[in-house]
Amino acid sequence: MTTKHEFFVDMTCEGCSGAVTRVLNKLGGVQFEIDLPNKKVYIESDKDTDVLLETLKKTGKAANYIGPK
């Protein structure tokens, strides 16, 4: 079952959102939306939130799990 999760990622530019897109595409099995002005990433996946958060942190940006959307 897939769940939609909301994360804060400290993105400041298109390059940052591009990095998020790259790491999530490598993970596979996820659908996501990036809200750059509000520094939010919404991920729909059946993966554990810890896996998603660690993946987002691979961008080198500060990332926090906000909760289910």
N, C-alpha and C. Protein backbone atom coordinates (compact mmCIF):
# COMPACT_ATOMS: atom_id res chain seq x y z
N MET A 1 0.84 -1.18 0.00
CA MET A 1 0.00 0.00 0.00
C MET A 1 0.89 1.25 0.00
N THR A 2 0.60 2.18 -0.88
CA THR A 2 1.42 3.39 -0.93
C THR A 2 0.83 4.45 -0.01
N THR A 3 1.71 5.22 0.57
CA THR A 3 1.34 6.31 1.45
C THR A 3 2.01 7.57 0.94
N LYS A 4 1.34 8.70 1.10
CA LYS A 4 1.95 9.97 0.68
C LYS A 4 2.55 10.63 1.92
N HIS A 5 3.83 10.98 1.81
CA HIS A 5 4.57 11.57 2.93
C HIS A 5 5.02 12.98 2.56
N GLU A 6 5.14 13.81 3.59
CA GLU A 6 5.61 15.18 3.39
C GLU A 6 6.95 15.35 4.09
N PHE A 7 7.92 15.89 3.35
CA PHE A 7 9.26 16.12 3.89
C PHE A 7 9.64 17.58 3.68
N PHE A 8 10.43 18.12 4.61
CA PHE A 8 11.07 19.42 4.43
C PHE A 8 12.48 19.14 3.92
N VAL A 9 12.86 19.80 2.83
CA VAL A 9 14.23 19.70 2.32
C VAL A 9 14.71 21.12 2.05
N ASP A 10 15.87 21.48 2.58
CA ASP A 10 16.38 22.85 2.49
C ASP A 10 16.91 23.14 1.08
N MET A 11 15.97 23.30 0.14
CA MET A 11 16.31 23.57 -1.27
C MET A 11 16.22 25.07 -1.53
N THR A 12 17.20 25.60 -2.23
CA THR A 12 17.20 27.03 -2.51
C THR A 12 17.12 27.37 -4.00
N CYS A 13 17.32 26.35 -4.87
CA CYS A 13 17.35 26.65 -6.31
C CYS A 13 16.94 25.43 -7.12
N GLU A 14 16.89 25.61 -8.43
CA GLU A 14 16.55 24.51 -9.34
C GLU A 14 17.58 23.38 -9.26
N GLY A 15 18.84 23.73 -8.99
CA GLY A 15 19.87 22.70 -8.84
C GLY A 15 19.57 21.78 -7.67
N CYS A 16 19.08 22.37 -6.59
CA CYS A 16 18.72 21.58 -5.40
C CYS A 16 17.57 20.62 -5.71
N SER A 17 16.54 21.14 -6.38
CA SER A 17 15.40 20.28 -6.70
C SER A 17 15.82 19.22 -7.72
N GLY A 18 16.78 19.54 -8.58
CA GLY A 18 17.31 18.56 -9.51
C GLY A 18 18.02 17.42 -8.79
N ALA A 19 18.75 17.76 -7.73
CA ALA A 19 19.44 16.74 -6.93
C ALA A 19 18.43 15.82 -6.26
N VAL A 20 17.34 16.39 -5.76
CA VAL A 20 16.28 15.60 -5.13
C VAL A 20 15.66 14.66 -6.18
N THR A 21 15.40 15.19 -7.36
CA THR A 21 14.84 14.38 -8.44
C THR A 21 15.76 13.21 -8.78
N ARG A 22 17.06 13.46 -8.87
CA ARG A 22 18.03 12.40 -9.21
C ARG A 22 18.04 11.28 -8.17
N VAL A 23 18.12 11.64 -6.88
CA VAL A 23 18.22 10.59 -5.85
C VAL A 23 16.91 9.79 -5.75
N LEU A 24 15.78 10.46 -5.93
CA LEU A 24 14.50 9.73 -5.84
C LEU A 24 14.29 8.84 -7.07
N ASN A 25 14.72 9.29 -8.24
CA ASN A 25 14.61 8.45 -9.43
C ASN A 25 15.49 7.21 -9.32
N LYS A 26 16.65 7.35 -8.69
CA LYS A 26 17.55 6.19 -8.48
C LYS A 26 16.92 5.19 -7.52
N LEU A 27 16.17 5.69 -6.53
CA LEU A 27 15.53 4.82 -5.55
C LEU A 27 14.48 3.94 -6.23
N GLY A 28 13.72 4.51 -7.14
CA GLY A 28 12.71 3.75 -7.88
C GLY A 28 11.49 3.44 -7.04
N GLY A 29 10.38 3.23 -7.73
CA GLY A 29 9.14 2.86 -7.03
C GLY A 29 8.51 3.98 -6.24
N VAL A 30 8.86 5.22 -6.57
CA VAL A 30 8.29 6.36 -5.86
C VAL A 30 7.72 7.37 -6.86
N GLN A 31 6.65 8.02 -6.46
CA GLN A 31 6.13 9.16 -7.20
C GLN A 31 6.31 10.35 -6.27
N PHE A 32 6.69 11.49 -6.83
CA PHE A 32 6.96 12.64 -5.96
C PHE A 32 6.65 13.96 -6.64
N GLU A 33 6.40 14.94 -5.79
CA GLU A 33 6.21 16.33 -6.22
C GLU A 33 7.17 17.17 -5.41
N ILE A 34 7.77 18.16 -6.07
CA ILE A 34 8.69 19.07 -5.38
C ILE A 34 8.06 20.45 -5.36
N ASP A 35 7.93 21.02 -4.15
CA ASP A 35 7.41 22.37 -3.97
C ASP A 35 8.60 23.24 -3.54
N LEU A 36 9.34 23.74 -4.53
CA LEU A 36 10.58 24.47 -4.25
C LEU A 36 10.36 25.73 -3.40
N PRO A 37 9.35 26.59 -3.70
CA PRO A 37 9.20 27.81 -2.88
C PRO A 37 8.97 27.53 -1.39
N ASN A 38 8.29 26.43 -1.08
CA ASN A 38 8.02 26.08 0.33
C ASN A 38 8.98 25.04 0.89
N LYS A 39 9.95 24.64 0.07
CA LYS A 39 10.98 23.67 0.48
C LYS A 39 10.37 22.36 0.96
N LYS A 40 9.36 21.89 0.23
CA LYS A 40 8.67 20.64 0.59
C LYS A 40 8.82 19.63 -0.54
N VAL A 41 8.88 18.37 -0.16
CA VAL A 41 8.86 17.27 -1.12
C VAL A 41 7.78 16.30 -0.65
N TYR A 42 6.86 16.00 -1.56
CA TYR A 42 5.78 15.05 -1.27
C TYR A 42 6.10 13.76 -2.02
N ILE A 43 6.21 12.66 -1.27
CA ILE A 43 6.59 11.39 -1.87
C ILE A 43 5.49 10.36 -1.61
N GLU A 44 5.07 9.71 -2.70
CA GLU A 44 4.10 8.63 -2.59
C GLU A 44 4.85 7.33 -2.83
N SER A 45 4.86 6.46 -1.80
CA SER A 45 5.67 5.25 -1.88
C SER A 45 5.22 4.26 -0.83
N ASP A 46 5.58 2.99 -1.04
CA ASP A 46 5.35 1.98 -0.01
C ASP A 46 6.62 1.72 0.79
N LYS A 47 7.66 2.51 0.52
CA LYS A 47 8.93 2.36 1.25
C LYS A 47 8.84 3.00 2.64
N ASP A 48 9.69 2.53 3.54
CA ASP A 48 9.73 3.04 4.90
C ASP A 48 10.18 4.50 4.90
N THR A 49 9.63 5.30 5.81
CA THR A 49 9.98 6.73 5.85
C THR A 49 11.46 6.94 6.13
N ASP A 50 12.09 6.04 6.89
CA ASP A 50 13.53 6.16 7.16
C ASP A 50 14.34 6.03 5.87
N VAL A 51 13.92 5.12 5.00
CA VAL A 51 14.60 4.93 3.71
C VAL A 51 14.45 6.20 2.86
N LEU A 52 13.25 6.75 2.84
CA LEU A 52 13.00 7.97 2.06
C LEU A 52 13.82 9.13 2.59
N LEU A 53 13.86 9.28 3.92
CA LEU A 53 14.60 10.38 4.53
C LEU A 53 16.11 10.24 4.26
N GLU A 54 16.65 9.04 4.41
CA GLU A 54 18.07 8.83 4.14
C GLU A 54 18.40 9.12 2.68
N THR A 55 17.48 8.77 1.79
CA THR A 55 17.67 9.04 0.36
C THR A 55 17.72 10.55 0.12
N LEU A 56 16.80 11.29 0.73
CA LEU A 56 16.79 12.74 0.57
C LEU A 56 18.06 13.38 1.13
N LYS A 57 18.59 12.82 2.21
CA LYS A 57 19.81 13.37 2.82
C LYS A 57 21.04 13.17 1.95
N LYS A 58 20.96 12.24 0.98
CA LYS A 58 22.08 12.02 0.06
C LYS A 58 22.33 13.23 -0.83
N THR A 59 21.38 14.15 -0.88
CA THR A 59 21.56 15.38 -1.66
C THR A 59 22.51 16.34 -0.97
N GLY A 60 22.79 16.10 0.32
CA GLY A 60 23.63 17.01 1.09
C GLY A 60 22.85 18.15 1.72
N LYS A 61 21.54 18.14 1.51
CA LYS A 61 20.67 19.17 2.07
C LYS A 61 20.06 18.67 3.38
N ALA A 62 19.75 19.61 4.27
CA ALA A 62 19.04 19.24 5.49
C ALA A 62 17.65 18.75 5.10
N ALA A 63 17.22 17.63 5.69
CA ALA A 63 15.92 17.06 5.37
C ALA A 63 15.27 16.56 6.65
N ASN A 64 13.96 16.79 6.76
CA ASN A 64 13.20 16.32 7.92
C ASN A 64 11.88 15.74 7.46
N TYR A 65 11.42 14.72 8.19
CA TYR A 65 10.11 14.14 7.89
C TYR A 65 9.06 14.95 8.63
N ILE A 66 8.07 15.42 7.91
CA ILE A 66 6.99 16.20 8.53
C ILE A 66 5.86 15.28 8.97
N GLY A 67 5.45 14.39 8.07
CA GLY A 67 4.39 13.44 8.43
C GLY A 67 3.63 13.00 7.20
N PRO A 68 2.62 12.14 7.42
CA PRO A 68 1.81 11.69 6.30
C PRO A 68 1.00 12.86 5.75
N LYS A 69 0.78 12.84 4.46
CA LYS A 69 0.07 13.95 3.81
C LYS A 69 -1.37 13.55 3.61
